[in-house]
Amino acid sequence: MPDVHGVGVGLFIFFSVLSLPLVVSKPVAKEFESTAIMWIRAFKRIRVEWKAPLTIEQPTPSVNQPYHKRELG
């Protein structure tokens, strides 16, 4: 007949070793999740900008430029 105390210690050690990777991997999984969410948001922004019509912005003249001063006075 197997020793009950030995079986209990064996099960305790088995489940302790089994739970160790789970305890260690929890912070790693949270970091992976936050990084994945950040990348998903970035790709969504890129896709929205890619589908948007191309617009070329005209530079606004600065007050310090000479031709702008000539127009004012």
N, C-alpha and C. Protein backbone atom coordinates (compact mmCIF):
# COMPACT_ATOMS: atom_id res chain seq x y z
N MET A 1 0.84 -1.18 0.00
CA MET A 1 0.00 0.00 0.00
C MET A 1 0.89 1.25 0.00
N PRO A 2 0.61 2.19 -0.92
CA PRO A 2 1.46 3.38 -0.99
C PRO A 2 1.30 4.26 0.24
N ASP A 3 2.36 4.93 0.56
CA ASP A 3 2.37 5.83 1.71
C ASP A 3 1.58 7.08 1.35
N VAL A 4 0.55 7.40 2.13
CA VAL A 4 -0.32 8.56 1.86
C VAL A 4 0.47 9.85 1.97
N HIS A 5 1.36 9.91 2.93
CA HIS A 5 2.17 11.12 3.11
C HIS A 5 3.07 11.35 1.89
N GLY A 6 3.66 10.28 1.37
CA GLY A 6 4.53 10.38 0.19
C GLY A 6 3.77 10.83 -1.05
N VAL A 7 2.55 10.29 -1.20
CA VAL A 7 1.71 10.67 -2.34
C VAL A 7 1.32 12.15 -2.23
N GLY A 8 0.98 12.58 -1.03
CA GLY A 8 0.60 13.99 -0.83
C GLY A 8 1.75 14.93 -1.12
N VAL A 9 2.94 14.57 -0.65
CA VAL A 9 4.12 15.39 -0.92
C VAL A 9 4.44 15.40 -2.41
N GLY A 10 4.29 14.25 -3.04
CA GLY A 10 4.53 14.17 -4.49
C GLY A 10 3.56 15.03 -5.27
N LEU A 11 2.27 14.99 -4.90
CA LEU A 11 1.29 15.83 -5.58
C LEU A 11 1.56 17.31 -5.33
N PHE A 12 1.95 17.65 -4.10
CA PHE A 12 2.25 19.04 -3.78
C PHE A 12 3.42 19.55 -4.62
N ILE A 13 4.47 18.75 -4.73
CA ILE A 13 5.63 19.14 -5.54
C ILE A 13 5.24 19.24 -7.01
N PHE A 14 4.45 18.28 -7.49
CA PHE A 14 4.03 18.29 -8.89
C PHE A 14 3.25 19.55 -9.22
N PHE A 15 2.26 19.89 -8.39
CA PHE A 15 1.46 21.08 -8.68
C PHE A 15 2.23 22.38 -8.43
N SER A 16 3.18 22.35 -7.51
CA SER A 16 4.02 23.54 -7.31
C SER A 16 4.88 23.80 -8.54
N VAL A 17 5.47 22.75 -9.07
CA VAL A 17 6.29 22.90 -10.28
C VAL A 17 5.41 23.27 -11.47
N LEU A 18 4.21 22.73 -11.53
CA LEU A 18 3.29 23.05 -12.62
C LEU A 18 2.82 24.50 -12.56
N SER A 19 2.61 25.03 -11.36
CA SER A 19 2.11 26.40 -11.24
C SER A 19 3.20 27.44 -11.40
N LEU A 20 4.45 27.06 -11.22
CA LEU A 20 5.55 28.02 -11.35
C LEU A 20 5.60 28.70 -12.71
N PRO A 21 5.52 27.97 -13.83
CA PRO A 21 5.51 28.67 -15.13
C PRO A 21 4.29 29.56 -15.29
N LEU A 22 3.17 29.19 -14.71
CA LEU A 22 1.98 30.03 -14.82
C LEU A 22 2.16 31.34 -14.06
N VAL A 23 2.76 31.28 -12.89
CA VAL A 23 3.00 32.48 -12.09
C VAL A 23 4.01 33.39 -12.78
N VAL A 24 5.04 32.80 -13.36
CA VAL A 24 6.06 33.58 -14.04
C VAL A 24 5.53 34.15 -15.35
N SER A 25 4.70 33.41 -16.05
CA SER A 25 4.24 33.85 -17.36
C SER A 25 3.13 34.89 -17.29
N LYS A 26 2.50 35.09 -16.15
CA LYS A 26 1.42 36.06 -16.05
C LYS A 26 1.89 37.49 -16.35
N PRO A 27 2.97 38.00 -15.75
CA PRO A 27 3.43 39.34 -16.12
C PRO A 27 3.89 39.43 -17.57
N VAL A 28 4.49 38.35 -18.06
CA VAL A 28 4.93 38.34 -19.46
C VAL A 28 3.71 38.41 -20.38
N ALA A 29 2.65 37.70 -20.03
CA ALA A 29 1.44 37.72 -20.83
C ALA A 29 0.80 39.11 -20.81
N LYS A 30 0.81 39.78 -19.68
CA LYS A 30 0.25 41.14 -19.61
C LYS A 30 1.06 42.10 -20.48
N GLU A 31 2.37 41.98 -20.46
CA GLU A 31 3.23 42.84 -21.29
C GLU A 31 2.99 42.55 -22.76
N PHE A 32 2.86 41.28 -23.12
CA PHE A 32 2.58 40.91 -24.50
C PHE A 32 1.23 41.47 -24.95
N GLU A 33 0.24 41.39 -24.08
CA GLU A 33 -1.09 41.89 -24.42
C GLU A 33 -1.07 43.40 -24.64
N SER A 34 -0.40 44.14 -23.77
CA SER A 34 -0.36 45.60 -23.93
C SER A 34 0.41 45.98 -25.19
N THR A 35 1.47 45.26 -25.51
CA THR A 35 2.22 45.54 -26.73
C THR A 35 1.38 45.21 -27.96
N ALA A 36 0.67 44.10 -27.91
CA ALA A 36 -0.17 43.72 -29.04
C ALA A 36 -1.28 44.73 -29.27
N ILE A 37 -1.88 45.23 -28.20
CA ILE A 37 -2.94 46.24 -28.34
C ILE A 37 -2.37 47.52 -28.94
N MET A 38 -1.17 47.91 -28.53
CA MET A 38 -0.54 49.11 -29.07
C MET A 38 -0.29 48.96 -30.57
N TRP A 39 0.21 47.79 -30.99
CA TRP A 39 0.48 47.56 -32.41
C TRP A 39 -0.81 47.51 -33.22
N ILE A 40 -1.86 46.92 -32.66
CA ILE A 40 -3.15 46.86 -33.37
C ILE A 40 -3.68 48.27 -33.59
N ARG A 41 -3.60 49.12 -32.57
CA ARG A 41 -4.05 50.51 -32.72
C ARG A 41 -3.22 51.25 -33.76
N ALA A 42 -1.91 51.01 -33.75
CA ALA A 42 -1.05 51.67 -34.73
C ALA A 42 -1.40 51.24 -36.15
N PHE A 43 -1.62 49.95 -36.36
CA PHE A 43 -1.97 49.47 -37.69
C PHE A 43 -3.34 49.98 -38.13
N LYS A 44 -4.27 50.14 -37.20
CA LYS A 44 -5.57 50.70 -37.56
C LYS A 44 -5.43 52.15 -38.00
N ARG A 45 -4.58 52.93 -37.29
CA ARG A 45 -4.34 54.32 -37.70
C ARG A 45 -3.68 54.39 -39.06
N ILE A 46 -2.72 53.50 -39.30
CA ILE A 46 -2.05 53.47 -40.60
C ILE A 46 -3.04 53.13 -41.70
N ARG A 47 -3.92 52.18 -41.45
CA ARG A 47 -4.90 51.79 -42.46
C ARG A 47 -5.87 52.93 -42.76
N VAL A 48 -6.29 53.65 -41.72
CA VAL A 48 -7.20 54.79 -41.93
C VAL A 48 -6.49 55.87 -42.73
N GLU A 49 -5.24 56.17 -42.40
CA GLU A 49 -4.50 57.18 -43.14
C GLU A 49 -4.23 56.74 -44.57
N TRP A 50 -4.02 55.46 -44.78
CA TRP A 50 -3.74 54.94 -46.11
C TRP A 50 -4.98 55.07 -47.00
N LYS A 51 -6.17 54.86 -46.43
CA LYS A 51 -7.40 54.93 -47.21
C LYS A 51 -7.88 56.36 -47.42
N ALA A 52 -7.38 57.30 -46.62
CA ALA A 52 -7.80 58.69 -46.74
C ALA A 52 -7.27 59.27 -48.04
N PRO A 53 -8.01 60.21 -48.63
CA PRO A 53 -7.54 60.82 -49.88
C PRO A 53 -6.25 61.61 -49.63
N LEU A 54 -5.40 61.60 -50.63
CA LEU A 54 -4.13 62.30 -50.53
C LEU A 54 -4.35 63.80 -50.64
N THR A 55 -3.90 64.53 -49.66
CA THR A 55 -4.02 65.99 -49.70
C THR A 55 -2.61 66.57 -49.55
N ILE A 56 -2.36 67.57 -50.36
CA ILE A 56 -1.07 68.26 -50.30
C ILE A 56 -1.32 69.60 -49.63
N GLU A 57 -0.70 69.78 -48.51
CA GLU A 57 -0.91 71.01 -47.76
C GLU A 57 -0.03 72.12 -48.33
N GLN A 58 -0.62 73.28 -48.52
CA GLN A 58 0.13 74.44 -48.98
C GLN A 58 0.80 75.09 -47.79
N PRO A 59 2.06 75.46 -47.93
CA PRO A 59 2.73 76.12 -46.81
C PRO A 59 2.14 77.50 -46.57
N THR A 60 1.93 77.81 -45.33
CA THR A 60 1.40 79.13 -44.99
C THR A 60 2.57 80.10 -44.89
N PRO A 61 2.45 81.29 -45.47
CA PRO A 61 3.57 82.23 -45.42
C PRO A 61 3.79 82.73 -44.00
N SER A 62 5.04 82.85 -43.65
CA SER A 62 5.39 83.33 -42.33
C SER A 62 5.39 84.85 -42.34
N VAL A 63 5.16 85.43 -41.19
CA VAL A 63 5.14 86.89 -41.07
C VAL A 63 6.54 87.45 -41.31
N ASN A 64 7.58 86.67 -41.07
CA ASN A 64 8.95 87.15 -41.20
C ASN A 64 9.47 87.11 -42.64
N GLN A 65 8.72 86.54 -43.56
CA GLN A 65 9.19 86.46 -44.93
C GLN A 65 9.05 87.81 -45.63
N PRO A 66 10.02 88.18 -46.49
CA PRO A 66 10.02 89.51 -47.11
C PRO A 66 8.80 89.78 -47.99
N TYR A 67 8.35 88.82 -48.80
CA TYR A 67 7.22 89.11 -49.69
C TYR A 67 5.95 89.36 -48.88
N HIS A 68 5.87 88.78 -47.71
CA HIS A 68 4.68 89.01 -46.87
C HIS A 68 4.71 90.43 -46.31
N LYS A 69 5.88 90.94 -46.00
CA LYS A 69 6.00 92.30 -45.48
C LYS A 69 5.66 93.31 -46.58
N ARG A 70 6.05 93.01 -47.81
CA ARG A 70 5.75 93.91 -48.90
C ARG A 70 4.25 94.01 -49.14
N GLU A 71 3.55 92.89 -48.93
CA GLU A 71 2.09 92.92 -49.12
C GLU A 71 1.42 93.78 -48.06
N LEU A 72 1.96 93.79 -46.85
CA LEU A 72 1.34 94.56 -45.78
C LEU A 72 1.68 96.04 -45.85
N GLY A 73 2.80 96.40 -46.39
CA GLY A 73 3.10 97.81 -46.30
C GLY A 73 4.03 98.22 -47.36
